N, C-alpha and C. Protein backbone atom coordinates (compact mmCIF):
# COMPACT_ATOMS: atom_id res chain seq x y z
N MET A 1 30.61 7.75 43.93
CA MET A 1 30.25 8.56 42.68
C MET A 1 31.08 8.14 41.44
N SER A 2 30.42 8.02 40.48
CA SER A 2 31.10 7.64 39.22
C SER A 2 31.13 8.80 38.21
N SER A 3 32.22 8.98 37.55
CA SER A 3 32.41 10.04 36.57
C SER A 3 33.17 9.57 35.37
N LYS A 4 32.59 9.97 34.07
CA LYS A 4 33.36 9.77 32.89
C LYS A 4 34.32 10.89 32.64
N HIS A 5 34.20 11.93 33.53
CA HIS A 5 35.22 13.04 33.33
C HIS A 5 35.77 13.45 34.70
N PRO A 6 36.77 12.67 35.18
CA PRO A 6 37.36 12.91 36.50
C PRO A 6 38.49 13.83 36.59
N TYR A 7 38.91 14.42 35.40
CA TYR A 7 40.06 15.30 35.45
C TYR A 7 39.58 16.79 35.92
N PRO A 8 40.38 17.34 36.68
CA PRO A 8 39.97 18.73 37.11
C PRO A 8 40.40 19.67 36.01
N TYR A 9 39.40 19.89 35.08
CA TYR A 9 39.68 20.29 33.75
C TYR A 9 39.16 21.82 33.57
N SER A 10 38.08 22.12 34.02
CA SER A 10 37.53 23.54 33.83
C SER A 10 37.61 24.36 35.15
N LEU A 11 38.25 25.59 35.09
CA LEU A 11 38.46 26.40 36.15
C LEU A 11 37.62 27.56 35.98
N CYS A 12 36.63 27.83 36.83
CA CYS A 12 35.66 28.87 36.67
C CYS A 12 35.97 30.07 37.58
N TYR A 13 36.04 31.25 37.09
CA TYR A 13 36.41 32.44 37.74
C TYR A 13 35.24 33.40 38.08
N CYS A 14 33.98 32.90 37.87
CA CYS A 14 32.88 33.79 38.05
C CYS A 14 32.77 34.24 39.62
N SER A 15 31.95 35.40 39.70
CA SER A 15 31.92 35.91 40.98
C SER A 15 31.07 34.99 41.96
N ILE A 16 30.16 34.20 41.46
CA ILE A 16 29.52 33.25 42.37
C ILE A 16 30.43 32.14 42.92
N CYS A 17 31.25 31.63 42.01
CA CYS A 17 32.21 30.63 42.42
C CYS A 17 33.25 31.15 43.38
N LEU A 18 33.71 32.33 43.10
CA LEU A 18 34.68 33.06 43.99
C LEU A 18 34.04 33.24 45.49
N LYS A 19 32.72 33.68 45.50
CA LYS A 19 32.16 34.06 46.82
C LYS A 19 31.74 32.78 47.62
N THR A 20 31.29 31.78 46.81
CA THR A 20 30.79 30.60 47.51
C THR A 20 31.84 29.73 48.09
N THR A 21 32.94 29.64 47.28
CA THR A 21 34.07 28.81 47.72
C THR A 21 35.13 29.44 48.52
N GLY A 22 35.22 30.69 48.50
CA GLY A 22 36.32 31.36 49.20
C GLY A 22 37.61 30.86 48.74
N SER A 23 37.80 30.63 47.44
CA SER A 23 39.00 29.94 46.96
C SER A 23 39.85 31.07 46.33
N GLY A 24 41.02 30.59 45.76
CA GLY A 24 41.99 31.56 45.28
C GLY A 24 41.51 32.01 43.91
N GLY A 25 40.27 32.20 43.72
CA GLY A 25 39.74 32.87 42.50
C GLY A 25 39.12 31.92 41.51
N PHE A 26 39.08 30.63 41.73
CA PHE A 26 38.49 29.74 40.77
C PHE A 26 37.89 28.49 41.61
N VAL A 27 37.06 27.75 40.86
CA VAL A 27 36.48 26.56 41.41
C VAL A 27 36.60 25.47 40.25
N ILE A 28 36.79 24.28 40.65
CA ILE A 28 36.76 23.19 39.65
C ILE A 28 35.65 22.24 39.82
N ASN A 29 34.70 22.15 38.96
CA ASN A 29 33.70 21.23 38.98
C ASN A 29 33.87 20.07 38.06
N LEU A 30 33.55 18.83 38.55
CA LEU A 30 33.78 17.66 37.68
C LEU A 30 32.34 17.25 37.31
N ASN A 31 32.27 16.61 36.21
CA ASN A 31 30.99 15.94 35.76
C ASN A 31 30.91 14.55 36.27
N ALA A 32 29.88 14.19 36.91
CA ALA A 32 29.52 12.81 37.35
C ALA A 32 28.14 12.43 37.12
N GLN A 33 27.84 11.19 37.23
CA GLN A 33 26.36 10.63 37.08
C GLN A 33 25.61 10.79 38.35
N TYR A 34 24.52 11.57 38.33
CA TYR A 34 23.80 11.89 39.53
C TYR A 34 23.29 10.54 40.21
N ASP A 35 23.00 9.53 39.47
CA ASP A 35 22.43 8.32 40.03
C ASP A 35 23.45 7.52 40.77
N THR A 36 24.71 7.94 40.70
CA THR A 36 25.86 7.23 41.35
C THR A 36 26.31 7.96 42.67
N LEU A 37 25.58 9.10 42.95
CA LEU A 37 25.96 9.88 44.11
C LEU A 37 25.30 9.21 45.37
N GLU A 38 26.15 8.87 46.31
CA GLU A 38 25.84 8.30 47.63
C GLU A 38 26.32 9.34 48.65
N VAL A 39 25.33 9.66 49.55
CA VAL A 39 25.59 10.69 50.59
C VAL A 39 25.44 10.04 51.97
N ILE A 40 26.24 10.13 52.86
CA ILE A 40 26.14 9.67 54.22
C ILE A 40 26.18 10.98 55.00
N GLY A 41 25.23 11.06 55.94
CA GLY A 41 25.17 12.31 56.86
C GLY A 41 24.56 13.50 56.03
N ARG A 42 23.55 13.31 55.29
CA ARG A 42 22.83 14.35 54.62
C ARG A 42 22.26 15.43 55.43
N LYS A 43 22.08 15.02 56.73
CA LYS A 43 21.47 16.04 57.70
C LYS A 43 22.52 17.21 57.93
N HIS A 44 23.87 16.94 57.55
CA HIS A 44 24.90 17.90 57.77
C HIS A 44 25.14 18.77 56.59
N ILE A 45 24.31 18.67 55.53
CA ILE A 45 24.40 19.31 54.32
C ILE A 45 23.30 20.29 54.10
N THR A 46 23.66 21.43 53.63
CA THR A 46 22.61 22.53 53.28
C THR A 46 22.81 22.92 51.85
N VAL A 47 21.84 23.64 51.30
CA VAL A 47 21.91 24.05 49.90
C VAL A 47 21.88 25.62 49.79
N TYR A 48 22.62 26.11 48.80
CA TYR A 48 22.61 27.44 48.52
C TYR A 48 22.24 27.72 47.00
N HIS A 49 21.35 28.67 46.79
CA HIS A 49 21.00 29.16 45.51
C HIS A 49 21.51 30.60 45.21
N ALA A 50 22.45 30.66 44.28
CA ALA A 50 23.07 32.08 44.10
C ALA A 50 22.01 32.98 43.53
N LYS A 51 22.21 34.31 43.86
CA LYS A 51 21.29 35.24 43.56
C LYS A 51 22.14 36.23 42.59
N ILE A 52 21.56 36.43 41.33
CA ILE A 52 22.20 37.29 40.39
C ILE A 52 21.21 38.43 40.18
N GLY A 53 21.46 39.54 40.80
CA GLY A 53 20.41 40.69 40.65
C GLY A 53 19.24 40.23 41.29
N ASP A 54 18.16 40.35 40.58
CA ASP A 54 16.79 39.84 41.16
C ASP A 54 16.48 38.33 40.80
N THR A 55 17.39 37.68 40.20
CA THR A 55 17.07 36.34 39.77
C THR A 55 17.87 35.30 40.72
N THR A 56 17.16 34.23 41.06
CA THR A 56 17.78 33.18 41.90
C THR A 56 18.09 31.95 41.06
N SER A 57 19.29 31.60 41.08
CA SER A 57 19.71 30.45 40.16
C SER A 57 18.98 29.18 40.72
N PRO A 58 18.55 28.32 39.73
CA PRO A 58 18.02 27.09 40.03
C PRO A 58 19.19 26.06 40.53
N ALA A 59 20.33 26.35 40.18
CA ALA A 59 21.41 25.46 40.51
C ALA A 59 21.62 25.42 42.13
N GLU A 60 21.83 24.15 42.60
CA GLU A 60 21.78 24.01 44.05
C GLU A 60 23.37 23.74 44.39
N CYS A 61 23.94 24.54 45.19
CA CYS A 61 25.21 24.39 45.66
C CYS A 61 25.20 23.71 47.05
N HIS A 62 25.60 22.34 47.19
CA HIS A 62 25.45 21.62 48.46
C HIS A 62 26.78 21.82 49.20
N PHE A 63 26.63 22.17 50.49
CA PHE A 63 27.86 22.30 51.30
C PHE A 63 27.61 21.96 52.67
N CYS A 64 28.69 21.71 53.40
CA CYS A 64 28.64 21.24 54.78
C CYS A 64 28.04 22.44 55.80
N LYS A 65 27.09 22.24 56.49
CA LYS A 65 26.65 23.30 57.32
C LYS A 65 27.48 23.67 58.50
N HIS A 66 28.40 22.80 58.78
CA HIS A 66 29.23 22.99 59.87
C HIS A 66 30.61 23.65 59.55
N CYS A 67 31.15 23.25 58.41
CA CYS A 67 32.52 23.83 58.05
C CYS A 67 32.43 24.69 56.79
N SER A 68 31.29 24.60 56.15
CA SER A 68 31.00 25.39 54.82
C SER A 68 31.86 24.89 53.57
N SER A 69 32.38 23.70 53.76
CA SER A 69 33.11 23.04 52.58
C SER A 69 32.04 22.82 51.40
N ASN A 70 32.39 23.38 50.25
CA ASN A 70 31.51 23.05 49.13
C ASN A 70 31.69 21.61 48.68
N LEU A 71 30.62 20.91 48.33
CA LEU A 71 30.68 19.40 48.10
C LEU A 71 30.26 19.18 46.68
N TRP A 72 29.20 19.69 46.16
CA TRP A 72 28.77 19.43 44.78
C TRP A 72 27.70 20.50 44.40
N LEU A 73 27.61 20.52 43.08
CA LEU A 73 26.60 21.39 42.48
C LEU A 73 25.54 20.54 41.71
N TYR A 74 24.29 20.77 41.85
CA TYR A 74 23.26 20.02 41.16
C TYR A 74 22.32 20.95 40.48
N ASP A 75 21.94 20.71 39.33
CA ASP A 75 20.98 21.64 38.65
C ASP A 75 19.87 20.71 37.97
N ALA A 76 18.64 20.83 38.32
CA ALA A 76 17.50 19.98 37.90
C ALA A 76 17.29 20.05 36.35
N ARG A 77 17.90 21.10 35.75
CA ARG A 77 17.74 21.30 34.27
C ARG A 77 18.60 20.13 33.59
N TRP A 78 19.55 19.60 34.22
CA TRP A 78 20.34 18.53 33.68
C TRP A 78 20.36 17.41 34.86
N PRO A 79 19.20 16.73 35.01
CA PRO A 79 19.07 15.85 36.16
C PRO A 79 19.90 14.58 36.09
N GLU A 80 20.60 14.26 35.07
CA GLU A 80 21.43 13.02 35.05
C GLU A 80 22.83 13.43 35.51
N LEU A 81 23.12 14.71 35.71
CA LEU A 81 24.45 15.05 36.10
C LEU A 81 24.60 15.67 37.57
N VAL A 82 25.78 15.48 38.18
CA VAL A 82 26.05 16.15 39.46
C VAL A 82 27.44 16.60 39.24
N HIS A 83 27.83 17.75 39.86
CA HIS A 83 29.17 18.40 39.62
C HIS A 83 29.86 18.53 40.94
N PRO A 84 30.64 17.42 41.42
CA PRO A 84 31.43 17.43 42.61
C PRO A 84 32.50 18.54 42.50
N PHE A 85 32.85 19.24 43.61
CA PHE A 85 33.92 20.23 43.54
C PHE A 85 35.15 19.36 43.78
N ALA A 86 36.11 19.49 42.92
CA ALA A 86 37.35 18.74 43.05
C ALA A 86 38.10 18.95 44.39
N SER A 87 37.84 20.09 45.02
CA SER A 87 38.47 20.38 46.26
C SER A 87 37.83 19.48 47.48
N ALA A 88 36.65 18.85 47.17
CA ALA A 88 35.90 18.00 48.19
C ALA A 88 36.35 16.49 47.96
N ILE A 89 37.15 16.21 47.10
CA ILE A 89 37.50 14.78 46.72
C ILE A 89 38.83 14.50 47.38
N ASP A 90 38.90 13.57 48.22
CA ASP A 90 40.04 13.05 48.91
C ASP A 90 40.94 12.27 48.16
N SER A 91 40.51 11.46 47.18
CA SER A 91 41.34 10.64 46.39
C SER A 91 42.04 11.34 45.27
N GLU A 92 43.15 10.77 44.80
CA GLU A 92 43.93 11.49 43.74
C GLU A 92 43.08 11.64 42.48
N LEU A 93 43.26 12.67 41.75
CA LEU A 93 42.60 12.93 40.49
C LEU A 93 43.63 13.05 39.42
N PRO A 94 43.45 12.55 38.17
CA PRO A 94 44.33 12.73 37.10
C PRO A 94 44.55 14.18 36.74
N ILE A 95 45.82 14.41 36.25
CA ILE A 95 46.14 15.75 35.77
C ILE A 95 45.82 15.83 34.27
N PRO A 96 44.96 16.86 33.85
CA PRO A 96 44.65 17.00 32.57
C PRO A 96 45.77 17.53 31.62
N PRO A 97 45.86 17.19 30.45
CA PRO A 97 46.83 17.71 29.46
C PRO A 97 46.70 19.26 29.20
N GLU A 98 45.46 19.76 29.51
CA GLU A 98 45.22 21.11 29.24
C GLU A 98 44.01 21.44 30.26
N ARG A 99 43.80 22.74 30.50
CA ARG A 99 42.62 23.15 31.26
C ARG A 99 41.89 24.30 30.50
N THR A 100 40.62 24.42 30.86
CA THR A 100 39.87 25.53 30.36
C THR A 100 39.64 26.53 31.37
N HIS A 101 40.00 27.80 31.25
CA HIS A 101 39.86 28.83 32.26
C HIS A 101 38.63 29.63 31.69
N LEU A 102 37.59 29.65 32.45
CA LEU A 102 36.26 30.28 31.93
C LEU A 102 35.83 31.36 32.85
N MET A 103 35.09 32.27 32.30
CA MET A 103 34.50 33.46 32.97
C MET A 103 35.70 34.36 33.57
N LEU A 104 36.80 34.41 32.75
CA LEU A 104 37.83 35.28 33.04
C LEU A 104 37.43 36.73 33.20
N ALA A 105 36.52 37.18 32.41
CA ALA A 105 36.03 38.61 32.52
C ALA A 105 35.47 38.95 33.87
N SER A 106 35.06 37.88 34.56
CA SER A 106 34.51 38.14 35.90
C SER A 106 35.43 37.97 37.10
N LYS A 107 36.58 37.53 36.89
CA LYS A 107 37.57 37.22 37.88
C LYS A 107 37.83 38.52 38.79
N ALA A 108 38.13 38.16 39.98
CA ALA A 108 38.50 39.26 40.88
C ALA A 108 39.89 39.89 40.52
N SER A 109 40.00 41.14 40.76
CA SER A 109 41.22 41.93 40.24
C SER A 109 42.45 41.33 40.90
N TRP A 110 42.36 40.77 42.06
CA TRP A 110 43.55 40.30 42.85
C TRP A 110 43.98 38.88 42.36
N VAL A 111 43.23 38.22 41.41
CA VAL A 111 43.53 36.91 41.00
C VAL A 111 44.35 36.92 39.81
N THR A 112 45.45 36.11 39.87
CA THR A 112 46.36 35.99 38.75
C THR A 112 46.27 34.60 38.30
N PRO A 113 45.47 34.25 37.19
CA PRO A 113 45.39 32.90 36.76
C PRO A 113 46.67 32.28 36.31
N HIS A 114 46.85 31.01 36.71
CA HIS A 114 48.04 30.31 36.28
C HIS A 114 47.65 29.56 35.06
N ILE A 115 47.89 30.26 33.85
CA ILE A 115 47.45 29.64 32.53
C ILE A 115 48.69 29.18 31.82
N GLN A 116 48.69 27.92 31.50
CA GLN A 116 49.85 27.38 30.87
C GLN A 116 49.67 27.31 29.29
N LYS A 117 50.60 27.03 28.55
CA LYS A 117 50.63 27.13 27.13
C LYS A 117 49.45 26.41 26.47
N PRO A 118 49.11 25.18 26.80
CA PRO A 118 48.04 24.45 26.07
C PRO A 118 46.64 24.82 26.57
N ASP A 119 46.55 25.59 27.68
CA ASP A 119 45.23 25.98 28.18
C ASP A 119 44.38 26.81 27.25
N LYS A 120 43.12 26.59 27.42
CA LYS A 120 42.20 27.47 26.77
C LYS A 120 41.64 28.62 27.62
N GLN A 121 41.31 29.72 27.00
CA GLN A 121 40.90 30.83 27.85
C GLN A 121 39.58 31.54 27.29
N PHE A 122 38.58 31.67 28.20
CA PHE A 122 37.28 32.33 27.75
C PHE A 122 36.89 33.41 28.72
N ASP A 123 36.61 34.55 28.25
CA ASP A 123 36.01 35.57 29.04
C ASP A 123 34.64 35.23 29.69
N GLU A 124 33.93 34.51 28.90
CA GLU A 124 32.52 33.97 29.37
C GLU A 124 32.55 32.54 29.38
N CYS A 125 31.48 31.80 29.03
CA CYS A 125 31.39 30.40 29.04
C CYS A 125 32.00 29.83 27.70
N PRO A 126 32.67 28.77 27.72
CA PRO A 126 33.32 28.20 26.53
C PRO A 126 32.29 27.78 25.58
N ASP A 127 32.80 27.62 24.34
CA ASP A 127 31.90 27.14 23.22
C ASP A 127 31.92 25.54 23.22
N GLU A 128 32.77 24.98 24.09
CA GLU A 128 32.94 23.48 24.04
C GLU A 128 32.53 23.01 25.40
N SER A 129 31.71 21.96 25.48
CA SER A 129 31.32 21.33 26.78
C SER A 129 32.48 20.54 27.33
N ILE A 130 32.36 20.18 28.66
CA ILE A 130 33.39 19.36 29.25
C ILE A 130 33.49 18.05 28.58
N ALA A 131 32.37 17.39 28.20
CA ALA A 131 32.35 16.04 27.58
C ALA A 131 33.09 16.26 26.19
N ALA A 132 32.80 17.32 25.33
CA ALA A 132 33.43 17.46 24.15
C ALA A 132 34.88 17.61 24.29
N GLY A 133 35.37 18.35 25.29
CA GLY A 133 36.79 18.54 25.52
C GLY A 133 37.48 17.35 25.86
N TYR A 134 36.90 16.44 26.59
CA TYR A 134 37.37 15.09 26.94
C TYR A 134 37.55 14.38 25.67
N GLN A 135 36.43 14.35 24.83
CA GLN A 135 36.52 13.61 23.54
C GLN A 135 37.64 14.13 22.72
N ARG A 136 37.79 15.49 22.58
CA ARG A 136 38.84 15.97 21.66
C ARG A 136 40.24 15.67 22.18
N LEU A 137 40.37 15.56 23.52
CA LEU A 137 41.67 15.20 24.08
C LEU A 137 41.94 13.65 24.29
N ASN A 138 40.91 12.89 23.73
CA ASN A 138 41.00 11.39 23.94
C ASN A 138 41.08 10.96 25.35
N LEU A 139 40.40 11.66 26.27
CA LEU A 139 40.54 11.33 27.65
C LEU A 139 39.35 10.39 28.22
N GLU A 140 38.53 9.97 27.22
CA GLU A 140 37.44 9.05 27.62
C GLU A 140 37.84 7.68 27.39
């Protein structure tokens, strides 16, 4: 898989990420080009669509049906992109000069975010895309 944005940059604290990943309160999605995704053993992968009230999200969370590891998120509304979970990548990832903490208003009460001085914080979704953040930080 190829990505113009390989830094673990955005940390999402929404209730869906918390519940589907069983993480310490956040999940890190990376941006990658969907047409570069190569999957071996697709028969071991299943898809989850989060439910928000009476609405089912069109986003597909792909995970291992044997161990429940989250692998990537795909949404047909943006067919050129795939969002691998940083926790599913075995190779080293670069460390970003800052991170964006988003959906903080939804975080679980037991979560204490590790927010550093240059980091950005948003109660909801940020007003800056991941790509725009990379460009602003000269990471491309």
